[in-house]
């Protein structure tokens, strides 16, 4: 089965072509573009890129289908992208109809957390589990739930939106809510905390290492790189994020009693600075028997998880 997968992210978007053969994915090409508020331009660029991949691989439209993975909220019934917090300008976007019409191929769409949960469950760290949670921890924060061997998405497809949970009455903003879990545990949240820390140091006439003089250049990536270079302040900031992350995971553990929680993106890259505080918070907050049997693992599919998620969106029933 040939699949053209579209991974729509808050920072970057990609189209991939693959041949799915049972439990094996044979990759045939990939094109990446920057995300922007002009959704029509982004989708058109990706569609044109997908066509070029198909021509190069000798794949016909009749032998191919489309999978779309995108951060929520989504309207699964109307097949719309509905103003995701990390995709400004993507309001009521008819992504399925647009790509089906443009490429003359059948298309399916899934929330990226759900798509990546299926991918990790089938191909990655969660393979063989029955109750697994995948947590994105990227530009934003969401969760995909595999319960009793099936994807659980809820009545409106909104199950697993843990980034919207309020952790504090105030704090960094994520998912449109100050003090939310996404505010503390996402690329955008870490960036906000980094800027606050940089301003504190500037008031004292000093500068933290990840502050290069331009606040706009402070990103989660810059903070993680500084931590890797031994910056104490960067490591403290990531430990704070890890503590809130553990608090959020403890809620999932108590509510769902999963075998495993798989975390992607930033957790994969910054695990050594996030994990100690995360584990401490889980020990303090979660029911001990449930916490003991729940393994916390980095995404086994690494940086390719978005590509795999887009593939799973095409085949999920």
C-alpha atoms as a PDB file:
ATOM      1  CA  UNK A   1       0.000   0.000   0.000  1.00  0.00           C
ATOM      2  CA  UNK A   2       1.433   3.372  -1.046  1.00  0.00           C
ATOM      3  CA  UNK A   3       0.762   6.250   1.332  1.00  0.00           C
ATOM      4  CA  UNK A   4       1.309   9.966   0.975  1.00  0.00           C
ATOM      5  CA  UNK A   5       1.512  11.259   4.537  1.00  0.00           C
ATOM      6  CA  UNK A   6       1.091  14.892   5.575  1.00  0.00           C
ATOM      7  CA  UNK A   7       2.479  15.864   8.986  1.00  0.00           C
ATOM      8  CA  UNK A   8       1.114  19.317   9.890  1.00  0.00           C
ATOM      9  CA  UNK A   9       3.070  20.796  12.805  1.00  0.00           C
ATOM     10  CA  UNK A  10       3.267  24.156  14.520  1.00  0.00           C
ATOM     11  CA  UNK A  11       6.876  24.756  13.484  1.00  0.00           C
ATOM     12  CA  UNK A  12       7.275  22.669  10.337  1.00  0.00           C
ATOM     13  CA  UNK A  13       5.144  20.606   7.995  1.00  0.00           C
ATOM     14  CA  UNK A  14       6.187  17.656   5.869  1.00  0.00           C
ATOM     15  CA  UNK A  15       4.953  15.280   3.201  1.00  0.00           C
ATOM     16  CA  UNK A  16       6.308  11.733   2.977  1.00  0.00           C
ATOM     17  CA  UNK A  17       5.807   8.893   0.536  1.00  0.00           C
ATOM     18  CA  UNK A  18       6.109   5.295   1.638  1.00  0.00           C
ATOM     19  CA  UNK A  19       5.160   1.748   0.796  1.00  0.00           C
ATOM     20  CA  UNK A  20       3.475   0.077   3.790  1.00  0.00           C
ATOM     21  CA  UNK A  21       3.954  -3.695   3.730  1.00  0.00           C
ATOM     22  CA  UNK A  22       2.402  -5.367   6.789  1.00  0.00           C
ATOM     23  CA  UNK A  23       4.654  -4.273   9.677  1.00  0.00           C
ATOM     24  CA  UNK A  24       7.316  -2.676   7.497  1.00  0.00           C
ATOM     25  CA  UNK A  25       7.443   0.895   6.223  1.00  0.00           C
ATOM     26  CA  UNK A  26       9.605   1.435   3.136  1.00  0.00           C
ATOM     27  CA  UNK A  27      10.336   5.159   2.839  1.00  0.00           C
ATOM     28  CA  UNK A  28      10.460   6.600  -0.672  1.00  0.00           C
ATOM     29  CA  UNK A  29      10.897  10.319  -0.088  1.00  0.00           C
ATOM     30  CA  UNK A  30      10.256  13.318   2.154  1.00  0.00           C
ATOM     31  CA  UNK A  31       9.851  17.091   1.706  1.00  0.00           C
ATOM     32  CA  UNK A  32       9.673  19.579   4.584  1.00  0.00           C
ATOM     33  CA  UNK A  33       8.480  23.200   4.679  1.00  0.00           C
ATOM     34  CA  UNK A  34       8.098  25.810   7.398  1.00  0.00           C
ATOM     35  CA  UNK A  35       4.645  26.261   8.919  1.00  0.00           C
ATOM     36  CA  UNK A  36       2.944  29.602   8.291  1.00  0.00           C
ATOM     37  CA  UNK A  37      -0.478  31.228   8.781  1.00  0.00           C
ATOM     38  CA  UNK A  38      -1.143  30.922   5.036  1.00  0.00           C
ATOM     39  CA  UNK A  39      -2.570  27.424   5.137  1.00  0.00           C
ATOM     40  CA  UNK A  40      -3.459  27.321   1.448  1.00  0.00           C
ATOM     41  CA  UNK A  41       0.106  28.054   0.440  1.00  0.00           C
ATOM     42  CA  UNK A  42       1.494  25.466   2.855  1.00  0.00           C
ATOM     43  CA  UNK A  43      -0.909  22.758   1.677  1.00  0.00           C
ATOM     44  CA  UNK A  44      -0.364  23.596  -1.985  1.00  0.00           C
ATOM     45  CA  UNK A  45       3.417  23.450  -1.548  1.00  0.00           C
ATOM     46  CA  UNK A  46       3.132  20.102   0.227  1.00  0.00           C
ATOM     47  CA  UNK A  47       0.714  18.731  -2.366  1.00  0.00           C
ATOM     48  CA  UNK A  48       3.035  19.712  -5.192  1.00  0.00           C
ATOM     49  CA  UNK A  49       5.923  18.129  -3.307  1.00  0.00           C
ATOM     50  CA  UNK A  50       3.910  14.971  -2.830  1.00  0.00           C
ATOM     51  CA  UNK A  51       3.200  14.788  -6.547  1.00  0.00           C
ATOM     52  CA  UNK A  52       6.913  15.089  -7.309  1.00  0.00           C
ATOM     53  CA  UNK A  53       7.684  12.266  -4.884  1.00  0.00           C
ATOM     54  CA  UNK A  54       5.071  10.059  -6.546  1.00  0.00           C
ATOM     55  CA  UNK A  55       6.430  10.781 -10.030  1.00  0.00           C
ATOM     56  CA  UNK A  56       9.980  10.017  -8.934  1.00  0.00           C
ATOM     57  CA  UNK A  57       8.905   6.730  -7.320  1.00  0.00           C
ATOM     58  CA  UNK A  58       6.587   5.754 -10.184  1.00  0.00           C
ATOM     59  CA  UNK A  59       3.504   5.647  -7.935  1.00  0.00           C
ATOM     60  CA  UNK A  60       0.090   6.285  -9.514  1.00  0.00           C
ATOM     61  CA  UNK A  61      -2.847   8.002  -7.820  1.00  0.00           C
ATOM     62  CA  UNK A  62      -4.963   4.860  -8.055  1.00  0.00           C
ATOM     63  CA  UNK A  63      -2.415   2.959  -5.968  1.00  0.00           C
ATOM     64  CA  UNK A  64      -2.015   5.597  -3.248  1.00  0.00           C
ATOM     65  CA  UNK A  65      -3.958   7.121  -0.363  1.00  0.00           C
ATOM     66  CA  UNK A  66      -3.455  10.155   1.863  1.00  0.00           C
ATOM     67  CA  UNK A  67      -2.923  10.318   5.623  1.00  0.00           C
ATOM     68  CA  UNK A  68      -3.011  13.629   7.527  1.00  0.00           C
ATOM     69  CA  UNK A  69      -1.679  14.131  11.053  1.00  0.00           C
ATOM     70  CA  UNK A  70      -2.262  17.514  12.683  1.00  0.00           C
ATOM     71  CA  UNK A  71      -2.386  18.999  16.160  1.00  0.00           C
ATOM     72  CA  UNK A  72      -5.852  19.571  17.587  1.00  0.00           C
ATOM     73  CA  UNK A  73      -8.457  20.654  18.053  1.00  0.00           C
ATOM     74  CA  UNK A  74      -9.907  18.989  14.972  1.00  0.00           C
ATOM     75  CA  UNK A  75     -13.490  18.477  13.852  1.00  0.00           C
ATOM     76  CA  UNK A  76     -13.428  14.822  12.847  1.00  0.00           C
ATOM     77  CA  UNK A  77     -17.021  14.840  11.558  1.00  0.00           C
ATOM     78  CA  UNK A  78     -16.557  17.897   9.330  1.00  0.00           C
ATOM     79  CA  UNK A  79     -12.882  17.012   8.651  1.00  0.00           C
ATOM     80  CA  UNK A  80     -11.626  20.443   9.655  1.00  0.00           C
ATOM     81  CA  UNK A  81      -8.580  21.845  11.418  1.00  0.00           C
ATOM     82  CA  UNK A  82     -10.110  24.134  14.050  1.00  0.00           C
ATOM     83  CA  UNK A  83      -7.707  26.853  15.188  1.00  0.00           C
ATOM     84  CA  UNK A  84      -4.924  24.851  16.871  1.00  0.00           C
ATOM     85  CA  UNK A  85      -3.080  27.119  19.345  1.00  0.00           C
ATOM     86  CA  UNK A  86       0.228  26.501  17.563  1.00  0.00           C
ATOM     87  CA  UNK A  87      -1.131  27.129  14.052  1.00  0.00           C
ATOM     88  CA  UNK A  88      -2.403  30.729  13.942  1.00  0.00           C
ATOM     89  CA  UNK A  89      -4.513  31.376  10.876  1.00  0.00           C
ATOM     90  CA  UNK A  90      -5.576  27.743  10.481  1.00  0.00           C
ATOM     91  CA  UNK A  91      -9.233  28.403  11.306  1.00  0.00           C
ATOM     92  CA  UNK A  92     -11.858  25.941  10.037  1.00  0.00           C
ATOM     93  CA  UNK A  93      -9.425  24.604   7.428  1.00  0.00           C
ATOM     94  CA  UNK A  94     -11.012  21.907   5.182  1.00  0.00           C
ATOM     95  CA  UNK A  95      -7.729  20.023   4.946  1.00  0.00           C
ATOM     96  CA  UNK A  96      -9.192  16.642   3.952  1.00  0.00           C
ATOM     97  CA  UNK A  97     -11.372  18.060   1.179  1.00  0.00           C
ATOM     98  CA  UNK A  98      -8.549  20.315  -0.044  1.00  0.00           C
ATOM     99  CA  UNK A  99      -6.022  17.507  -0.409  1.00  0.00           C
ATOM    100  CA  UNK A 100      -8.550  14.984  -1.763  1.00  0.00           C
ATOM    101  CA  UNK A 101      -9.613  17.452  -4.454  1.00  0.00           C
ATOM    102  CA  UNK A 102      -6.106  18.683  -5.199  1.00  0.00           C
ATOM    103  CA  UNK A 103      -4.530  15.226  -5.472  1.00  0.00           C
ATOM    104  CA  UNK A 104      -7.586  13.182  -6.539  1.00  0.00           C
ATOM    105  CA  UNK A 105      -6.906  10.560  -3.874  1.00  0.00           C
ATOM    106  CA  UNK A 106      -8.834   9.429  -0.757  1.00  0.00           C
ATOM    107  CA  UNK A 107      -7.674  11.073   2.473  1.00  0.00           C
ATOM    108  CA  UNK A 108      -8.065  10.480   6.215  1.00  0.00           C
ATOM    109  CA  UNK A 109      -7.109  12.686   9.147  1.00  0.00           C
ATOM    110  CA  UNK A 110      -6.126  12.116  12.785  1.00  0.00           C
ATOM    111  CA  UNK A 111      -5.073  14.316  15.669  1.00  0.00           C
ATOM    112  CA  UNK A 112      -1.266  14.139  15.768  1.00  0.00           C
ATOM    113  CA  UNK A 113      -1.186  12.775  19.309  1.00  0.00           C
ATOM    114  CA  UNK A 114      -3.553   9.959  18.303  1.00  0.00           C
ATOM    115  CA  UNK A 115      -1.673   9.279  15.079  1.00  0.00           C
ATOM    116  CA  UNK A 116       1.673   9.152  16.879  1.00  0.00           C
ATOM    117  CA  UNK A 117       0.209   6.991  19.636  1.00  0.00           C
ATOM    118  CA  UNK A 118      -0.816   4.447  17.008  1.00  0.00           C
ATOM    119  CA  UNK A 119       2.622   4.703  15.397  1.00  0.00           C
ATOM    120  CA  UNK A 120       4.502   4.091  18.665  1.00  0.00           C
ATOM    121  CA  UNK A 121       2.102   1.281  19.555  1.00  0.00           C
ATOM    122  CA  UNK A 122       2.547  -0.475  16.216  1.00  0.00           C
ATOM    123  CA  UNK A 123       6.185   0.283  15.367  1.00  0.00           C
ATOM    124  CA  UNK A 124       7.874   1.942  18.346  1.00  0.00           C
ATOM    125  CA  UNK A 125       8.445   1.806  22.092  1.00  0.00           C
ATOM    126  CA  UNK A 126       4.861   0.796  22.895  1.00  0.00           C
ATOM    127  CA  UNK A 127       4.793  -2.286  20.695  1.00  0.00           C
ATOM    128  CA  UNK A 128       3.246  -5.181  22.622  1.00  0.00           C
ATOM    129  CA  UNK A 129       1.485  -3.070  25.270  1.00  0.00           C
ATOM    130  CA  UNK A 130      -2.259  -3.065  25.820  1.00  0.00           C
ATOM    131  CA  UNK A 131      -2.687   0.248  27.648  1.00  0.00           C
ATOM    132  CA  UNK A 132      -0.332   2.974  26.448  1.00  0.00           C
ATOM    133  CA  UNK A 133      -0.300   6.765  26.439  1.00  0.00           C
ATOM    134  CA  UNK A 134       1.734   8.809  23.977  1.00  0.00           C
ATOM    135  CA  UNK A 135       2.576  12.394  24.972  1.00  0.00           C
ATOM    136  CA  UNK A 136       3.749  14.775  22.261  1.00  0.00           C
ATOM    137  CA  UNK A 137       5.857  17.288  24.284  1.00  0.00           C
ATOM    138  CA  UNK A 138       6.796  19.277  21.178  1.00  0.00           C
ATOM    139  CA  UNK A 139       5.645  22.688  19.996  1.00  0.00           C
ATOM    140  CA  UNK A 140       2.560  21.911  22.086  1.00  0.00           C
ATOM    141  CA  UNK A 141       1.469  19.165  24.472  1.00  0.00           C
ATOM    142  CA  UNK A 142      -1.194  16.531  23.889  1.00  0.00           C
ATOM    143  CA  UNK A 143      -1.755  12.853  24.526  1.00  0.00           C
ATOM    144  CA  UNK A 144      -2.939   9.903  22.450  1.00  0.00           C
ATOM    145  CA  UNK A 145      -4.598   7.082  24.364  1.00  0.00           C
ATOM    146  CA  UNK A 146      -4.414   3.371  23.541  1.00  0.00           C
ATOM    147  CA  UNK A 147      -6.789   1.686  26.001  1.00  0.00           C
ATOM    148  CA  UNK A 148      -7.532  -2.043  26.018  1.00  0.00           C
ATOM    149  CA  UNK A 149      -5.759  -2.370  22.694  1.00  0.00           C
ATOM    150  CA  UNK A 150      -7.733   0.357  20.920  1.00  0.00           C
ATOM    151  CA  UNK A 151      -7.356   4.058  20.243  1.00  0.00           C
ATOM    152  CA  UNK A 152      -9.658   6.080  22.497  1.00  0.00           C
ATOM    153  CA  UNK A 153     -10.470   9.526  21.125  1.00  0.00           C
ATOM    154  CA  UNK A 154     -13.640  10.489  23.040  1.00  0.00           C
ATOM    155  CA  UNK A 155     -17.073  11.672  21.947  1.00  0.00           C
ATOM    156  CA  UNK A 156     -15.757  14.668  19.981  1.00  0.00           C
ATOM    157  CA  UNK A 157     -12.261  13.395  19.271  1.00  0.00           C
ATOM    158  CA  UNK A 158     -10.879  15.614  22.046  1.00  0.00           C
ATOM    159  CA  UNK A 159      -9.725  12.982  24.527  1.00  0.00           C
ATOM    160  CA  UNK A 160      -6.140  13.398  25.678  1.00  0.00           C
ATOM    161  CA  UNK A 161      -5.876  17.198  25.502  1.00  0.00           C
ATOM    162  CA  UNK A 162      -3.794  17.249  28.682  1.00  0.00           C
ATOM    163  CA  UNK A 163      -1.989  20.425  27.664  1.00  0.00           C
ATOM    164  CA  UNK A 164      -5.152  22.340  28.538  1.00  0.00           C
ATOM    165  CA  UNK A 165      -5.067  21.258  32.199  1.00  0.00           C
ATOM    166  CA  UNK A 166      -4.391  24.161  34.546  1.00  0.00           C
ATOM    167  CA  UNK A 167      -1.451  23.530  36.844  1.00  0.00           C
ATOM    168  CA  UNK A 168      -1.137  27.011  38.383  1.00  0.00           C
ATOM    169  CA  UNK A 169      -3.329  30.112  38.577  1.00  0.00           C
ATOM    170  CA  UNK A 170      -0.673  31.909  36.548  1.00  0.00           C
ATOM    171  CA  UNK A 171       2.443  31.033  34.603  1.00  0.00           C
ATOM    172  CA  UNK A 172       3.636  30.515  31.030  1.00  0.00           C
ATOM    173  CA  UNK A 173       0.832  30.337  28.507  1.00  0.00           C
ATOM    174  CA  UNK A 174       0.055  27.221  26.513  1.00  0.00           C
ATOM    175  CA  UNK A 175      -3.133  26.177  24.735  1.00  0.00           C
ATOM    176  CA  UNK A 176      -4.449  29.707  25.348  1.00  0.00           C
ATOM    177  CA  UNK A 177      -4.303  29.288  29.121  1.00  0.00           C
ATOM    178  CA  UNK A 178      -1.740  30.792  31.506  1.00  0.00           C
ATOM    179  CA  UNK A 179      -0.405  28.236  33.968  1.00  0.00           C
ATOM    180  CA  UNK A 180      -1.456  25.268  31.826  1.00  0.00           C
ATOM    181  CA  UNK A 181       0.511  22.033  31.573  1.00  0.00           C
ATOM    182  CA  UNK A 182       1.370  22.939  27.976  1.00  0.00           C
ATOM    183  CA  UNK A 183       2.682  26.253  29.267  1.00  0.00           C
ATOM    184  CA  UNK A 184       5.247  24.451  31.394  1.00  0.00           C
ATOM    185  CA  UNK A 185       5.895  21.428  29.163  1.00  0.00           C
ATOM    186  CA  UNK A 186       6.265  22.407  25.523  1.00  0.00           C
ATOM    187  CA  UNK A 187       8.675  24.167  23.237  1.00  0.00           C
ATOM    188  CA  UNK A 188       6.678  27.378  23.503  1.00  0.00           C
ATOM    189  CA  UNK A 189       6.463  27.112  27.283  1.00  0.00           C
ATOM    190  CA  UNK A 190      10.180  26.499  27.744  1.00  0.00           C
ATOM    191  CA  UNK A 191      10.851  29.489  25.494  1.00  0.00           C
ATOM    192  CA  UNK A 192       8.632  31.686  27.672  1.00  0.00           C
ATOM    193  CA  UNK A 193      10.316  30.502  30.865  1.00  0.00           C
ATOM    194  CA  UNK A 194      13.707  31.101  29.271  1.00  0.00           C
ATOM    195  CA  UNK A 195      12.801  34.691  28.414  1.00  0.00           C
ATOM    196  CA  UNK A 196      11.587  35.343  31.974  1.00  0.00           C
ATOM    197  CA  UNK A 197      14.827  33.945  33.368  1.00  0.00           C
ATOM    198  CA  UNK A 198      16.891  36.042  30.948  1.00  0.00           C
ATOM    199  CA  UNK A 199      15.063  39.226  31.977  1.00  0.00           C
ATOM    200  CA  UNK A 200      15.668  38.442  35.649  1.00  0.00           C
ATOM    201  CA  UNK A 201      19.382  38.191  34.983  1.00  0.00           C
ATOM    202  CA  UNK A 202      19.402  41.375  32.930  1.00  0.00           C
ATOM    203  CA  UNK A 203      17.837  43.274  35.832  1.00  0.00           C
ATOM    204  CA  UNK A 204      20.868  42.261  37.920  1.00  0.00           C
ATOM    205  CA  UNK A 205      23.270  43.414  35.220  1.00  0.00           C
ATOM    206  CA  UNK A 206      24.243  39.903  34.122  1.00  0.00           C
ATOM    207  CA  UNK A 207      23.270  37.558  31.335  1.00  0.00           C
ATOM    208  CA  UNK A 208      22.379  33.868  31.305  1.00  0.00           C
ATOM    209  CA  UNK A 209      24.267  31.823  28.700  1.00  0.00           C
ATOM    210  CA  UNK A 210      21.281  31.153  26.424  1.00  0.00           C
ATOM    211  CA  UNK A 211      20.606  34.918  26.192  1.00  0.00           C
ATOM    212  CA  UNK A 212      22.664  36.115  23.221  1.00  0.00           C
ATOM    213  CA  UNK A 213      21.299  39.653  23.418  1.00  0.00           C
ATOM    214  CA  UNK A 214      18.116  39.124  21.412  1.00  0.00           C
ATOM    215  CA  UNK A 215      15.180  37.754  23.395  1.00  0.00           C
ATOM    216  CA  UNK A 216      13.585  36.525  20.164  1.00  0.00           C
ATOM    217  CA  UNK A 217      16.491  34.100  19.746  1.00  0.00           C
ATOM    218  CA  UNK A 218      15.704  32.348  23.032  1.00  0.00           C
ATOM    219  CA  UNK A 219      14.047  29.036  22.150  1.00  0.00           C
ATOM    220  CA  UNK A 220      13.604  25.631  23.737  1.00  0.00           C
ATOM    221  CA  UNK A 221      16.405  24.427  21.472  1.00  0.00           C
ATOM    222  CA  UNK A 222      18.727  27.164  22.762  1.00  0.00           C
ATOM    223  CA  UNK A 223      17.908  26.255  26.369  1.00  0.00           C
ATOM    224  CA  UNK A 224      18.546  22.554  25.728  1.00  0.00           C
ATOM    225  CA  UNK A 225      21.836  23.319  23.983  1.00  0.00           C
ATOM    226  CA  UNK A 226      22.903  25.508  26.922  1.00  0.00           C
ATOM    227  CA  UNK A 227      22.065  22.688  29.325  1.00  0.00           C
ATOM    228  CA  UNK A 228      24.279  20.394  27.281  1.00  0.00           C
ATOM    229  CA  UNK A 229      27.101  22.905  27.634  1.00  0.00           C
ATOM    230  CA  UNK A 230      26.792  22.879  31.417  1.00  0.00           C
ATOM    231  CA  UNK A 231      24.603  25.952  31.982  1.00  0.00           C
ATOM    232  CA  UNK A 232      23.163  25.642  35.506  1.00  0.00           C
ATOM    233  CA  UNK A 233      20.260  28.002  34.819  1.00  0.00           C
ATOM    234  CA  UNK A 234      19.208  26.058  31.712  1.00  0.00           C
ATOM    235  CA  UNK A 235      19.294  22.787  33.629  1.00  0.00           C
ATOM    236  CA  UNK A 236      17.253  24.314  36.456  1.00  0.00           C
ATOM    237  CA  UNK A 237      14.668  25.541  33.955  1.00  0.00           C
ATOM    238  CA  UNK A 238      14.391  22.088  32.363  1.00  0.00           C
ATOM    239  CA  UNK A 239      14.137  20.496  35.797  1.00  0.00           C
ATOM    240  CA  UNK A 240      11.196  22.802  36.549  1.00  0.00           C
ATOM    241  CA  UNK A 241       9.541  21.723  33.311  1.00  0.00           C
ATOM    242  CA  UNK A 242      10.257  18.102  34.213  1.00  0.00           C
ATOM    243  CA  UNK A 243       8.608  18.524  37.607  1.00  0.00           C
ATOM    244  CA  UNK A 244       5.379  19.803  36.056  1.00  0.00           C
ATOM    245  CA  UNK A 245       5.587  17.075  33.430  1.00  0.00           C
ATOM    246  CA  UNK A 246       5.782  14.463  36.178  1.00  0.00           C
ATOM    247  CA  UNK A 247       2.806  16.025  37.887  1.00  0.00           C
ATOM    248  CA  UNK A 248       0.807  15.772  34.662  1.00  0.00           C
ATOM    249  CA  UNK A 249       1.917  12.175  34.056  1.00  0.00           C
ATOM    250  CA  UNK A 250       0.908  11.271  37.605  1.00  0.00           C
ATOM    251  CA  UNK A 251      -2.642  12.359  36.737  1.00  0.00           C
ATOM    252  CA  UNK A 252      -2.590  10.094  33.679  1.00  0.00           C
ATOM    253  CA  UNK A 253      -1.227   7.208  35.736  1.00  0.00           C
ATOM    254  CA  UNK A 254      -3.920   7.576  38.389  1.00  0.00           C
ATOM    255  CA  UNK A 255      -6.741   7.989  35.863  1.00  0.00           C
ATOM    256  CA  UNK A 256      -5.770   5.373  33.275  1.00  0.00           C
ATOM    257  CA  UNK A 257      -3.344   2.923  34.941  1.00  0.00           C
ATOM    258  CA  UNK A 258      -1.328   2.434  31.713  1.00  0.00           C
ATOM    259  CA  UNK A 259       1.464  -0.085  31.116  1.00  0.00           C
ATOM    260  CA  UNK A 260       3.596   2.598  29.505  1.00  0.00           C
ATOM    261  CA  UNK A 261       3.767   6.309  28.767  1.00  0.00           C
ATOM    262  CA  UNK A 262       5.809   7.217  25.696  1.00  0.00           C
ATOM    263  CA  UNK A 263       7.012  10.811  25.348  1.00  0.00           C
ATOM    264  CA  UNK A 264       8.274  12.374  22.158  1.00  0.00           C
ATOM    265  CA  UNK A 265      10.187  15.327  20.759  1.00  0.00           C
ATOM    266  CA  UNK A 266      11.650  17.527  23.521  1.00  0.00           C
ATOM    267  CA  UNK A 267      11.575  14.677  26.038  1.00  0.00           C
ATOM    268  CA  UNK A 268      13.706  12.584  23.685  1.00  0.00           C
ATOM    269  CA  UNK A 269      16.242  15.386  23.284  1.00  0.00           C
ATOM    270  CA  UNK A 270      16.328  16.643  26.884  1.00  0.00           C
ATOM    271  CA  UNK A 271      15.519  13.508  28.856  1.00  0.00           C
ATOM    272  CA  UNK A 272      18.584  13.620  31.107  1.00  0.00           C
ATOM    273  CA  UNK A 273      17.561  17.020  32.518  1.00  0.00           C
ATOM    274  CA  UNK A 274      13.809  16.409  32.612  1.00  0.00           C
ATOM    275  CA  UNK A 275      13.686  12.882  33.986  1.00  0.00           C
ATOM    276  CA  UNK A 276      14.979  13.215  37.595  1.00  0.00           C
ATOM    277  CA  UNK A 277      12.437  15.906  38.543  1.00  0.00           C
ATOM    278  CA  UNK A 278       9.742  14.114  36.529  1.00  0.00           C
ATOM    279  CA  UNK A 279      10.275  10.844  38.370  1.00  0.00           C
ATOM    280  CA  UNK A 280      10.317  12.597  41.735  1.00  0.00           C
ATOM    281  CA  UNK A 281       6.971  14.240  40.980  1.00  0.00           C
ATOM    282  CA  UNK A 282       5.478  10.913  39.909  1.00  0.00           C
ATOM    283  CA  UNK A 283       6.647   9.266  43.139  1.00  0.00           C
ATOM    284  CA  UNK A 284       5.089  12.073  45.162  1.00  0.00           C
ATOM    285  CA  UNK A 285       1.795  12.365  43.284  1.00  0.00           C
ATOM    286  CA  UNK A 286       0.807   9.041  41.707  1.00  0.00           C
ATOM    287  CA  UNK A 287      -0.619   5.948  43.351  1.00  0.00           C
ATOM    288  CA  UNK A 288       2.405   3.792  44.089  1.00  0.00           C
ATOM    289  CA  UNK A 289       1.157   0.467  42.623  1.00  0.00           C
ATOM    290  CA  UNK A 290       0.090   2.156  39.362  1.00  0.00           C
ATOM    291  CA  UNK A 291       3.337   4.132  39.125  1.00  0.00           C
ATOM    292  CA  UNK A 292       5.460   1.040  39.727  1.00  0.00           C
ATOM    293  CA  UNK A 293       4.089  -0.851  36.730  1.00  0.00           C
ATOM    294  CA  UNK A 294       4.071   2.152  34.366  1.00  0.00           C
ATOM    295  CA  UNK A 295       7.255   2.581  32.332  1.00  0.00           C
ATOM    296  CA  UNK A 296       8.095   6.046  31.024  1.00  0.00           C
ATOM    297  CA  UNK A 297       9.969   5.728  27.730  1.00  0.00           C
ATOM    298  CA  UNK A 298      11.230   8.113  25.038  1.00  0.00           C
ATOM    299  CA  UNK A 299       9.606   7.702  21.636  1.00  0.00           C
ATOM    300  CA  UNK A 300      11.192   4.749  19.881  1.00  0.00           C
ATOM    301  CA  UNK A 301      10.616   6.304  16.474  1.00  0.00           C
ATOM    302  CA  UNK A 302      12.650   9.388  17.379  1.00  0.00           C
ATOM    303  CA  UNK A 303      12.510  12.317  14.983  1.00  0.00           C
ATOM    304  CA  UNK A 304      10.574  10.222  12.433  1.00  0.00           C
ATOM    305  CA  UNK A 305       7.535   9.821  14.654  1.00  0.00           C
ATOM    306  CA  UNK A 306       5.571  12.544  12.818  1.00  0.00           C
ATOM    307  CA  UNK A 307       6.143  10.754   9.520  1.00  0.00           C
ATOM    308  CA  UNK A 308       4.972   7.452  10.981  1.00  0.00           C
ATOM    309  CA  UNK A 309       1.956   9.199  12.496  1.00  0.00           C
ATOM    310  CA  UNK A 310       0.897  10.560   9.106  1.00  0.00           C
ATOM    311  CA  UNK A 311       1.145   7.035   7.690  1.00  0.00           C
ATOM    312  CA  UNK A 312      -1.038   5.640  10.485  1.00  0.00           C
ATOM    313  CA  UNK A 313      -3.658   8.337   9.833  1.00  0.00           C
ATOM    314  CA  UNK A 314      -4.149   6.874   6.354  1.00  0.00           C
ATOM    315  CA  UNK A 315      -4.848   3.321   7.513  1.00  0.00           C
ATOM    316  CA  UNK A 316      -6.637   3.757  10.849  1.00  0.00           C
ATOM    317  CA  UNK A 317     -10.273   2.645  10.845  1.00  0.00           C
END
